[in-house]
Amino acid sequence: MCYSVFECLFVCLSDMRLRQLEQELVKELRMAFMDENGMGPVVVDQKAVDSAPDTLEGLIAEMAASTSNYNQNMDVRAFIRKTKAMLMKMEQNMKSSKLQGLIYRHLASIGIPKSMHCLTLLLAEEYTINSLARSSLPPPEYASRLTDGSYIHIALLSDNILAASVVISSTLTSSANPENLVFHIVTDKKTYSAMHCWFALNPIFPAVVEVKGLHQFDWPADVNALVMETIEEIHWSSLAHHQYSGANEEYKRLEALNPSAFSLLNYLRIHLPELFPKLNKVIFLDDDVVVQQDLQSLWDLDLNGHVNGAVIAGEVVDDGYHHCMGKKYEDYLNFSNPILSSSTLGSEKQKCAWLSGMNVFDLQAWKRSNITRTYQQWLKQNRESGFHLWRAGPRPPGLIAFNGQVHQIDPSWHLSGLGRRMPELELLQTSAVIHFSGPRKPWLEIGFPELRSLWQRHINYSNEFVRSCRVRE
């Protein structure tokens, strides 16, 4: 508020001068941000970024020294250039630190603890010197159970001895009638002797277990050709993935460290009908699960003609609206690619994904379908597309191959994601099978301490091999 004409005139002139100064400052700053030719923003090369100060205090000190040495006013353009170089250096350092942290966490998630590596070596040695470690699995008098459909057949594909033992131990503990259980473990050639030794020296009576290496299967020529087609595709895809020049270099570095992306055992679950040709039905369990309830009612489920009985990823119904609490198809598959968007799957990208790792399969219905061939075709198509259809891994082609062949089962059967997050306590207590899917496995240092005890309680720490290898509680 003005109290005189002169005061009001002074205020108006002051405001005009301030606005003029503001406009001049904005103009100077705009010019400072342009290169010397006024054709674009100031360009900073990598050499300037590398030599830039690390902090704002360093920048101010450097500019102060520069103006003092030459006894001149500060060059605004030089200040802008140095500031931009400093900010670019900070951004590059931040990205590098994030990538380094990501790589360290990734290495921690895929590393094999020394104790588990020790266990494999000791058992393999024991297999060669101890005849009991080489005894038949199961004993000959129980061999007929392996193909007897009146028993509950549970399959694992694993090269992790301790993890496989926890799956079986927890299943036995939770079973009302363990004598009705038959376990089928398929492993690779390098792990076979150690895996066989463990279960030969630690019988699971009254249940029975067979351990079979991939090298021990004697398929007919046509079946062998079918399985070898998958094995060869995994081989070619692995080579192509590492050589693919269009991939982001940082992502390639990280993916190259992930052995599960092209782990043969992970892919061979698509051949369950070939692995167990005399079985009509099988419950499939990943080796990172703990069973907490009896599986008899899961075995007795009617799949209504479908191949795969699975929990859908948290689908809930609210006033007729279907919401996925877990992942959708679009989280696994790149529907922006015309190969996928133009296929019959294009309209199902919002569909909730079913959970893998705890499934019941009708193997006879599977044999009558085209699931395995479809899986193989999409594996090849992803490689030929330059891996633009999905990230490397066995899960996405499984979603495509089993599309329309999944029977939804009650969500209480399968609680997944315990290797990524802490679940609600009620879900943890009421779920039949808890699944440590994700990087934070219970046998790793990075696993959740609050959840690790649920897994460790099924380890026999008095076992001589476990003690020798210092598997810790």
Protein backbone atom coordinates (compact mmCIF):
# COMPACT_ATOMS: atom_id res chain seq x y z
CA MET A 1 0.00 0.00 0.00
CA CYS A 2 1.42 3.42 -1.06
CA TYR A 3 1.12 6.50 1.14
CA SER A 4 2.11 9.03 -1.58
CA VAL A 5 2.30 9.42 -5.34
CA PHE A 6 6.08 9.42 -5.27
CA GLU A 7 6.18 6.24 -3.20
CA CYS A 8 3.83 4.48 -5.64
CA LEU A 9 5.89 5.68 -8.60
CA PHE A 10 9.08 4.36 -6.95
CA VAL A 11 7.50 0.97 -6.33
CA CYS A 12 6.29 0.70 -9.93
CA LEU A 13 9.69 1.63 -11.34
CA SER A 14 11.38 -0.87 -9.00
CA ASP A 15 9.05 -3.64 -10.14
CA MET A 16 9.70 -2.77 -13.80
CA ARG A 17 13.46 -2.83 -13.18
CA LEU A 18 13.25 -6.18 -11.41
CA ARG A 19 11.24 -7.68 -14.25
CA GLN A 20 13.76 -6.29 -16.75
CA LEU A 21 16.65 -7.76 -14.77
CA GLU A 22 14.82 -11.08 -14.52
CA GLN A 23 14.27 -11.17 -18.28
CA GLU A 24 17.93 -10.32 -18.91
CA LEU A 25 19.04 -13.08 -16.50
CA VAL A 26 16.80 -15.67 -18.19
CA LYS A 27 18.15 -14.59 -21.58
CA GLU A 28 21.75 -14.91 -20.38
CA LEU A 29 21.10 -18.32 -18.88
CA ARG A 30 19.45 -19.51 -22.09
CA MET A 31 22.47 -18.32 -24.06
CA ALA A 32 24.78 -19.98 -21.56
CA PHE A 33 23.05 -23.32 -22.07
CA MET A 34 23.60 -23.09 -25.84
CA ASP A 35 26.82 -24.08 -27.55
CA GLU A 36 29.16 -21.50 -29.05
CA ASN A 37 27.26 -21.58 -32.36
CA GLY A 38 23.91 -21.16 -30.69
CA MET A 39 22.69 -24.30 -32.50
CA GLY A 40 21.92 -26.53 -29.54
CA PRO A 41 22.56 -27.29 -25.88
CA VAL A 42 26.03 -27.28 -24.41
CA VAL A 43 27.79 -30.52 -25.41
CA VAL A 44 29.97 -32.21 -22.81
CA ASP A 45 32.33 -34.96 -23.92
CA GLN A 46 33.29 -37.98 -21.82
CA LYS A 47 36.75 -36.55 -21.10
CA ALA A 48 35.16 -33.51 -19.44
CA VAL A 49 32.84 -35.80 -17.47
CA ASP A 50 35.74 -37.92 -16.20
CA SER A 51 37.68 -34.82 -15.05
CA ALA A 52 34.65 -33.11 -13.49
CA PRO A 53 34.59 -32.53 -9.72
CA ASP A 54 32.73 -35.07 -7.62
CA THR A 55 30.79 -32.62 -5.43
CA LEU A 56 29.19 -29.16 -5.57
CA GLU A 57 31.79 -27.90 -3.11
CA GLY A 58 34.52 -29.08 -5.46
CA LEU A 59 32.84 -27.34 -8.39
CA ILE A 60 32.59 -24.04 -6.49
CA ALA A 61 36.22 -24.26 -5.37
CA GLU A 62 37.36 -25.01 -8.93
CA MET A 63 35.41 -22.09 -10.41
CA ALA A 64 36.60 -19.74 -7.64
CA ALA A 65 40.22 -20.71 -8.33
CA SER A 66 39.68 -20.22 -12.06
CA THR A 67 38.27 -16.69 -11.71
CA SER A 68 40.95 -15.76 -9.17
CA ASN A 69 43.83 -17.00 -11.32
CA TYR A 70 42.79 -15.03 -14.37
CA ASN A 71 41.37 -12.04 -12.47
CA GLN A 72 38.20 -12.05 -14.51
CA ASN A 73 34.46 -12.41 -14.10
CA MET A 74 33.02 -15.86 -14.01
CA ASP A 75 32.28 -17.34 -17.44
CA VAL A 76 28.64 -18.42 -17.13
CA ARG A 77 28.91 -20.82 -20.06
CA ALA A 78 31.99 -22.47 -18.54
CA PHE A 79 30.15 -22.79 -15.23
CA ILE A 80 27.16 -24.41 -16.96
CA ARG A 81 29.44 -26.80 -18.85
CA LYS A 82 31.27 -27.86 -15.68
CA THR A 83 28.01 -28.20 -13.76
CA LYS A 84 26.55 -30.39 -16.49
CA ALA A 85 29.71 -32.51 -16.56
CA MET A 86 29.53 -32.93 -12.77
CA LEU A 87 25.86 -33.98 -12.90
CA MET A 88 26.57 -36.44 -15.72
CA LYS A 89 29.42 -37.92 -13.69
CA MET A 90 27.16 -38.29 -10.66
CA GLU A 91 24.51 -40.01 -12.80
CA GLN A 92 27.04 -42.40 -14.32
CA ASN A 93 28.42 -43.25 -10.86
CA MET A 94 24.91 -43.86 -9.55
CA LYS A 95 24.06 -46.16 -12.46
CA SER A 96 27.32 -48.04 -12.02
CA SER A 97 26.69 -48.48 -8.28
CA LYS A 98 23.15 -49.74 -8.92
CA LEU A 99 24.38 -52.24 -11.50
CA GLN A 100 27.18 -53.39 -9.20
CA GLY A 101 24.71 -53.89 -6.38
CA LEU A 102 22.37 -55.77 -8.70
CA ILE A 103 25.18 -58.05 -9.82
CA TYR A 104 26.27 -58.74 -6.23
CA ARG A 105 22.69 -59.58 -5.19
CA HIS A 106 22.33 -61.75 -8.28
CA LEU A 107 25.55 -63.62 -7.54
CA ALA A 108 24.38 -64.14 -3.96
CA SER A 109 21.11 -65.62 -5.25
CA ILE A 110 22.67 -68.15 -7.63
CA GLY A 111 25.74 -69.15 -5.66
CA ILE A 112 26.01 -72.59 -4.10
CA PRO A 113 26.98 -72.45 -0.41
CA LYS A 114 30.26 -74.22 0.34
CA SER A 115 28.47 -76.57 2.72
CA MET A 116 26.12 -77.81 -0.01
CA HIS A 117 28.97 -78.17 -2.48
CA CYS A 118 30.87 -80.13 0.18
CA LEU A 119 27.85 -82.37 0.73
CA THR A 120 27.70 -83.28 -2.96
CA LEU A 121 31.41 -84.11 -3.07
CA LEU A 122 31.39 -86.24 0.08
CA LEU A 123 28.34 -88.19 -1.03
CA ALA A 124 29.79 -88.79 -4.50
CA GLU A 125 32.95 -90.16 -2.89
CA GLU A 126 30.88 -92.34 -0.53
CA TYR A 127 28.98 -93.73 -3.52
CA THR A 128 32.21 -95.11 -4.97
CA ILE A 129 33.49 -96.79 -1.79
CA ASN A 130 30.34 -97.90 0.02
CA SER A 131 28.21 -100.67 -1.47
CA LEU A 132 25.23 -99.65 0.67
CA ALA A 133 25.32 -96.23 -0.99
CA ARG A 134 24.84 -97.98 -4.32
CA SER A 135 21.95 -100.20 -3.22
CA SER A 136 18.81 -100.28 -5.36
CA LEU A 137 16.29 -97.46 -5.05
CA PRO A 138 13.72 -98.51 -4.25
CA PRO A 139 14.57 -102.00 -2.94
CA PRO A 140 13.49 -104.70 -5.43
CA GLU A 141 10.51 -105.78 -3.31
CA TYR A 142 9.03 -102.27 -3.66
CA ALA A 143 9.88 -101.66 -7.32
CA SER A 144 6.32 -102.43 -8.45
CA ARG A 145 5.09 -99.31 -6.67
CA LEU A 146 6.89 -97.11 -9.21
CA THR A 147 4.15 -97.70 -11.78
CA ASP A 148 1.24 -98.55 -9.50
CA GLY A 149 -1.51 -95.96 -9.96
CA SER A 150 -3.01 -96.67 -6.52
CA TYR A 151 -0.10 -94.77 -4.94
CA ILE A 152 0.49 -91.00 -4.90
CA HIS A 153 3.33 -90.23 -7.30
CA ILE A 154 5.39 -87.10 -6.65
CA ALA A 155 8.05 -85.93 -9.13
CA LEU A 156 11.06 -83.66 -8.62
CA LEU A 157 13.66 -82.54 -11.15
CA SER A 158 16.60 -81.35 -9.09
CA ASP A 159 20.37 -81.25 -8.70
CA ASN A 160 20.12 -79.87 -5.15
CA ILE A 161 20.42 -82.78 -2.71
CA LEU A 162 19.62 -80.92 0.50
CA ALA A 163 16.65 -79.13 -1.06
CA ALA A 164 15.25 -82.39 -2.47
CA SER A 165 15.59 -84.01 0.95
CA VAL A 166 13.62 -81.16 2.55
CA VAL A 167 10.80 -81.54 0.00
CA ILE A 168 10.53 -85.26 0.74
CA SER A 169 10.95 -84.92 4.50
CA SER A 170 8.27 -82.21 4.75
CA THR A 171 5.89 -84.23 2.57
CA LEU A 172 6.33 -87.31 4.76
CA THR A 173 5.88 -85.33 7.97
CA SER A 174 2.64 -83.78 6.64
CA SER A 175 1.21 -87.02 5.28
CA ALA A 176 -1.51 -88.97 7.06
CA ASN A 177 -0.48 -92.11 5.17
CA PRO A 178 3.20 -91.87 4.15
CA GLU A 179 3.14 -95.51 3.03
CA ASN A 180 1.05 -94.34 0.03
CA LEU A 181 3.76 -92.02 -1.27
CA VAL A 182 6.16 -92.72 -4.13
CA PHE A 183 8.81 -90.12 -4.96
CA HIS A 184 10.51 -89.89 -8.34
CA ILE A 185 13.70 -87.78 -8.46
CA VAL A 186 15.25 -87.00 -11.83
CA THR A 187 18.68 -85.40 -11.75
CA ASP A 188 21.62 -84.79 -14.07
CA LYS A 189 24.58 -87.09 -14.57
CA LYS A 190 27.03 -85.14 -12.40
CA THR A 191 24.69 -85.15 -9.38
CA TYR A 192 23.30 -88.67 -9.78
CA SER A 193 25.78 -90.60 -7.64
CA ALA A 194 25.58 -88.12 -4.73
CA MET A 195 21.77 -87.93 -4.89
CA HIS A 196 21.46 -91.73 -5.01
CA CYS A 197 23.88 -92.09 -2.11
CA TRP A 198 21.91 -89.72 0.11
CA PHE A 199 18.60 -91.55 -0.26
CA ALA A 200 20.22 -95.00 -0.17
CA LEU A 201 21.80 -94.18 3.19
CA ASN A 202 18.77 -92.25 4.45
CA PRO A 203 15.76 -94.43 3.60
CA ILE A 204 12.31 -92.83 3.75
CA PHE A 205 10.35 -95.96 4.68
CA PRO A 206 7.38 -96.55 4.63
CA ALA A 207 7.40 -94.40 1.48
CA VAL A 208 9.69 -95.25 -1.42
CA VAL A 209 11.91 -93.15 -3.68
CA GLU A 210 13.66 -93.70 -6.98
CA VAL A 211 16.59 -91.60 -8.16
CA LYS A 212 17.28 -91.56 -11.86
CA GLY A 213 19.88 -89.70 -13.88
CA LEU A 214 19.09 -88.32 -17.31
CA HIS A 215 21.79 -90.58 -18.71
CA GLN A 216 19.85 -93.65 -17.53
CA PHE A 217 16.72 -93.17 -19.61
CA ASP A 218 16.41 -95.60 -22.49
CA TRP A 219 13.69 -94.17 -24.69
CA PRO A 220 12.39 -95.52 -28.00
CA ALA A 221 13.84 -93.73 -31.01
CA ASP A 222 10.85 -91.42 -31.55
CA VAL A 223 10.68 -90.37 -27.89
CA ASN A 224 14.44 -89.88 -27.76
CA ALA A 225 14.22 -87.63 -30.82
CA LEU A 226 11.48 -85.54 -29.17
CA VAL A 227 13.50 -85.01 -25.99
CA MET A 228 16.72 -84.34 -27.89
CA GLU A 229 14.93 -81.64 -29.89
CA THR A 230 14.33 -79.74 -26.66
CA ILE A 231 17.87 -80.31 -25.41
CA GLU A 232 19.38 -79.09 -28.68
CA GLU A 233 17.13 -76.02 -28.74
CA ILE A 234 18.25 -75.09 -25.23
CA HIS A 235 21.84 -75.46 -26.39
CA TRP A 236 21.37 -73.27 -29.46
CA SER A 237 19.31 -70.71 -27.55
CA SER A 238 22.00 -70.42 -24.89
CA LEU A 239 24.69 -69.81 -27.50
CA ALA A 240 22.55 -67.34 -29.44
CA HIS A 241 21.56 -65.44 -26.31
CA HIS A 242 25.16 -64.82 -25.31
CA GLN A 243 26.12 -63.76 -28.83
CA TYR A 244 23.08 -61.62 -29.59
CA SER A 245 24.45 -58.14 -30.33
CA GLY A 246 21.16 -56.27 -30.06
CA ALA A 247 20.76 -56.89 -26.32
CA ASN A 248 21.56 -54.21 -23.77
CA GLU A 249 25.14 -54.81 -22.63
CA GLU A 250 24.44 -54.37 -18.93
CA TYR A 251 21.46 -56.73 -19.12
CA LYS A 252 23.56 -59.27 -21.04
CA ARG A 253 26.20 -59.17 -18.30
CA LEU A 254 23.60 -59.95 -15.66
CA GLU A 255 21.77 -62.61 -17.70
CA ALA A 256 25.06 -64.35 -18.43
CA LEU A 257 25.45 -64.93 -14.70
CA ASN A 258 22.06 -66.65 -14.41
CA PRO A 259 22.48 -70.40 -14.88
CA SER A 260 18.75 -71.09 -14.41
CA ALA A 261 17.88 -69.21 -17.61
CA PHE A 262 19.09 -72.23 -19.61
CA SER A 263 19.17 -74.94 -16.95
CA LEU A 264 18.29 -78.20 -18.68
CA LEU A 265 16.38 -79.61 -15.71
CA ASN A 266 14.16 -76.52 -15.64
CA TYR A 267 13.14 -77.10 -19.26
CA LEU A 268 12.78 -80.87 -19.14
CA ARG A 269 9.65 -80.67 -17.00
CA ILE A 270 7.91 -80.22 -20.37
CA HIS A 271 8.75 -83.90 -20.90
CA LEU A 272 7.04 -85.36 -17.83
CA PRO A 273 5.02 -87.78 -20.05
CA GLU A 274 8.29 -89.06 -21.51
CA LEU A 275 10.03 -89.22 -18.12
CA PHE A 276 7.16 -91.22 -16.60
CA PRO A 277 5.54 -93.08 -19.49
CA LYS A 278 3.77 -95.65 -17.30
CA LEU A 279 2.10 -93.15 -14.97
CA ASN A 280 -1.32 -91.62 -15.57
CA LYS A 281 -0.91 -88.80 -13.10
CA VAL A 282 1.81 -87.04 -11.13
CA ILE A 283 2.19 -84.24 -8.59
CA PHE A 284 5.12 -82.06 -9.59
CA LEU A 285 7.05 -80.13 -6.93
CA ASP A 286 9.93 -77.69 -7.33
CA ASP A 287 12.88 -78.32 -5.03
CA ASP A 288 12.38 -74.99 -3.22
CA VAL A 289 9.04 -75.88 -1.62
CA VAL A 290 8.03 -77.08 1.83
CA VAL A 291 4.90 -79.22 2.15
CA GLN A 292 2.75 -78.41 5.18
CA GLN A 293 -0.41 -80.47 4.61
CA ASP A 294 -1.39 -83.91 3.38
CA LEU A 295 -1.48 -84.13 -0.43
CA GLN A 296 -4.10 -86.89 -0.74
CA SER A 297 -6.97 -84.52 -1.60
CA LEU A 298 -4.78 -82.78 -4.20
CA TRP A 299 -4.09 -86.16 -5.79
CA ASP A 300 -7.80 -86.98 -5.82
CA LEU A 301 -8.80 -83.77 -7.63
CA ASP A 302 -10.78 -84.13 -10.85
CA LEU A 303 -9.12 -81.91 -13.46
CA ASN A 304 -12.22 -82.06 -15.68
CA GLY A 305 -10.27 -83.11 -18.74
CA HIS A 306 -7.55 -80.49 -18.34
CA VAL A 307 -3.86 -81.31 -18.21
CA ASN A 308 -2.57 -79.01 -15.50
CA GLY A 309 -4.06 -78.42 -12.06
CA ALA A 310 -2.63 -75.14 -10.75
CA VAL A 311 -3.32 -72.16 -8.54
CA ILE A 312 -4.06 -69.02 -10.52
CA ALA A 313 -1.95 -66.06 -9.44
CA GLY A 314 -4.20 -64.55 -6.80
CA GLU A 315 -7.35 -64.12 -8.86
CA VAL A 316 -10.17 -62.65 -6.77
CA VAL A 317 -13.73 -61.80 -7.76
CA ASP A 318 -15.21 -58.52 -6.57
CA ASP A 319 -18.58 -57.55 -8.03
CA GLY A 320 -17.76 -59.56 -11.09
CA TYR A 321 -14.35 -57.91 -11.56
CA HIS A 322 -11.36 -60.24 -11.91
CA HIS A 323 -8.18 -58.85 -10.40
CA CYS A 324 -4.79 -60.52 -10.50
CA MET A 325 -2.93 -60.27 -7.22
CA GLY A 326 0.01 -61.97 -8.90
CA LYS A 327 1.49 -61.71 -12.37
CA LYS A 328 -0.39 -61.60 -15.66
CA TYR A 329 0.56 -63.04 -19.03
CA GLU A 330 1.79 -59.61 -20.12
CA ASP A 331 4.32 -59.63 -17.26
CA TYR A 332 6.03 -62.62 -18.90
CA LEU A 333 5.36 -62.09 -22.60
CA ASN A 334 6.13 -59.10 -24.83
CA PHE A 335 2.76 -58.44 -26.43
CA SER A 336 4.11 -55.36 -28.21
CA ASN A 337 5.76 -57.79 -30.60
CA PRO A 338 3.44 -58.54 -33.55
CA ILE A 339 4.24 -62.26 -33.37
CA LEU A 340 2.47 -62.43 -30.01
CA SER A 341 -0.09 -59.65 -30.46
CA SER A 342 -1.40 -61.16 -33.69
CA SER A 343 -1.64 -64.69 -32.28
CA THR A 344 -4.61 -66.13 -30.39
CA LEU A 345 -2.80 -65.04 -27.19
CA GLY A 346 -3.05 -61.37 -28.13
CA SER A 347 -6.44 -61.00 -26.45
CA GLU A 348 -5.27 -62.68 -23.23
CA LYS A 349 -2.42 -60.43 -22.10
CA GLN A 350 -4.46 -59.35 -19.06
CA LYS A 351 -5.07 -62.97 -18.09
CA CYS A 352 -3.81 -64.07 -14.67
CA ALA A 353 -0.82 -66.43 -14.87
CA TRP A 354 -1.00 -69.81 -13.19
CA LEU A 355 1.66 -70.70 -10.64
CA SER A 356 4.31 -73.31 -11.38
CA GLY A 357 6.25 -75.37 -8.86
CA MET A 358 3.28 -77.18 -7.29
CA ASN A 359 1.08 -78.74 -9.96
CA VAL A 360 -0.87 -81.90 -10.54
CA PHE A 361 -0.65 -83.21 -14.12
CA ASP A 362 -2.86 -85.63 -16.01
CA LEU A 363 -0.16 -87.30 -18.10
CA GLN A 364 -2.61 -89.21 -20.29
CA ALA A 365 -4.45 -86.01 -21.23
CA TRP A 366 -1.05 -84.41 -21.82
CA LYS A 367 -0.09 -87.15 -24.28
CA ARG A 368 -3.29 -86.54 -26.25
CA SER A 369 -2.50 -82.81 -26.52
CA ASN A 370 0.02 -80.82 -28.54
CA ILE A 371 1.52 -79.12 -25.49
CA THR A 372 5.12 -80.32 -25.82
CA ARG A 373 5.34 -79.57 -29.55
CA THR A 374 3.84 -76.12 -28.99
CA TYR A 375 6.43 -75.45 -26.27
CA GLN A 376 9.28 -76.46 -28.57
CA GLN A 377 7.99 -74.33 -31.45
CA TRP A 378 7.75 -71.21 -29.31
CA LEU A 379 11.23 -71.79 -27.84
CA LYS A 380 12.62 -71.80 -31.36
CA GLN A 381 10.54 -68.79 -32.40
CA ASN A 382 11.81 -66.73 -29.47
CA ARG A 383 15.42 -67.51 -30.41
CA GLU A 384 14.79 -66.63 -34.05
CA SER A 385 13.14 -63.35 -33.02
CA GLY A 386 16.31 -62.29 -31.20
CA PHE A 387 14.71 -63.05 -27.80
CA HIS A 388 12.17 -60.28 -28.27
CA LEU A 389 9.16 -62.39 -27.27
CA TRP A 390 10.27 -62.91 -23.66
CA ARG A 391 13.31 -62.94 -21.41
CA ALA A 392 15.23 -66.18 -21.41
CA GLY A 393 13.62 -68.78 -19.16
CA PRO A 394 11.28 -71.80 -19.20
CA ARG A 395 8.23 -70.07 -17.72
CA PRO A 396 6.89 -67.96 -20.65
CA PRO A 397 6.71 -70.78 -23.23
CA GLY A 398 4.98 -72.89 -20.58
CA LEU A 399 2.22 -70.28 -20.26
CA ILE A 400 1.69 -70.40 -24.02
CA ALA A 401 1.82 -74.19 -24.33
CA PHE A 402 -0.62 -74.86 -21.47
CA ASN A 403 -3.01 -72.07 -22.43
CA GLY A 404 -6.54 -73.49 -22.25
CA GLN A 405 -5.32 -76.65 -20.47
CA VAL A 406 -5.22 -75.35 -16.88
CA HIS A 407 -7.72 -76.35 -14.20
CA GLN A 408 -7.83 -73.80 -11.39
CA ILE A 409 -7.39 -75.25 -7.91
CA ASP A 410 -7.96 -73.64 -4.52
CA PRO A 411 -5.38 -70.91 -3.71
CA SER A 412 -4.71 -72.47 -0.30
CA TRP A 413 -2.76 -75.23 -2.02
CA HIS A 414 0.14 -73.04 -3.10
CA LEU A 415 1.71 -69.91 -1.56
CA SER A 416 4.52 -68.68 -3.80
CA GLY A 417 7.01 -65.81 -3.70
CA LEU A 418 8.65 -66.53 -0.34
CA GLY A 419 12.00 -65.85 -2.00
CA ARG A 420 10.88 -62.29 -2.79
CA ARG A 421 8.71 -61.02 0.05
CA MET A 422 7.33 -61.79 3.49
CA PRO A 423 3.76 -63.13 3.24
CA GLU A 424 0.90 -62.56 5.65
CA LEU A 425 1.17 -64.80 8.70
CA GLU A 426 -2.29 -66.33 8.17
CA LEU A 427 -1.43 -67.37 4.61
CA LEU A 428 1.86 -68.81 5.80
CA GLN A 429 0.12 -70.95 8.38
CA THR A 430 -2.80 -72.14 6.25
CA SER A 431 -1.15 -72.87 2.87
CA ALA A 432 -0.60 -76.53 2.01
CA VAL A 433 2.64 -75.87 0.13
CA ILE A 434 4.88 -72.85 0.63
CA HIS A 435 7.17 -72.01 -2.25
CA PHE A 436 10.43 -70.08 -1.93
CA SER A 437 10.25 -68.88 -5.53
CA GLY A 438 12.50 -65.87 -6.06
CA PRO A 439 16.18 -65.16 -5.43
CA ARG A 440 16.17 -65.37 -1.62
CA LYS A 441 16.29 -69.14 -1.20
CA PRO A 442 16.19 -70.47 2.38
CA TRP A 443 19.60 -72.14 2.01
CA LEU A 444 21.26 -68.83 1.07
CA GLU A 445 22.56 -66.07 3.36
CA ILE A 446 20.19 -63.60 1.67
CA GLY A 447 17.12 -65.70 2.54
CA PHE A 448 14.60 -64.22 4.96
CA PRO A 449 15.68 -65.25 8.49
CA GLU A 450 12.03 -65.24 9.60
CA LEU A 451 11.19 -67.88 6.97
CA ARG A 452 14.36 -69.94 6.99
CA SER A 453 13.31 -71.97 10.05
CA LEU A 454 10.30 -73.33 8.12
CA TRP A 455 12.80 -74.98 5.76
CA GLN A 456 15.56 -75.85 8.23
CA ARG A 457 13.30 -77.83 10.55
CA HIS A 458 13.24 -80.61 7.94
CA ILE A 459 17.04 -81.04 7.87
CA ASN A 460 18.60 -83.80 9.95
CA TYR A 461 21.53 -81.93 11.50
CA SER A 462 22.72 -85.08 13.26
CA ASN A 463 23.53 -86.69 9.90
CA GLU A 464 27.29 -87.35 9.64
CA PHE A 465 27.59 -85.78 6.19
CA VAL A 466 25.61 -82.70 7.23
CA ARG A 467 27.84 -82.32 10.29
CA SER A 468 31.04 -82.87 8.29
CA CYS A 469 30.08 -80.14 5.84
CA ARG A 470 28.98 -77.79 8.61
CA VAL A 471 25.54 -77.17 7.24
CA ARG A 472 24.45 -74.58 9.77
CA GLU A 473 21.18 -74.30 11.62
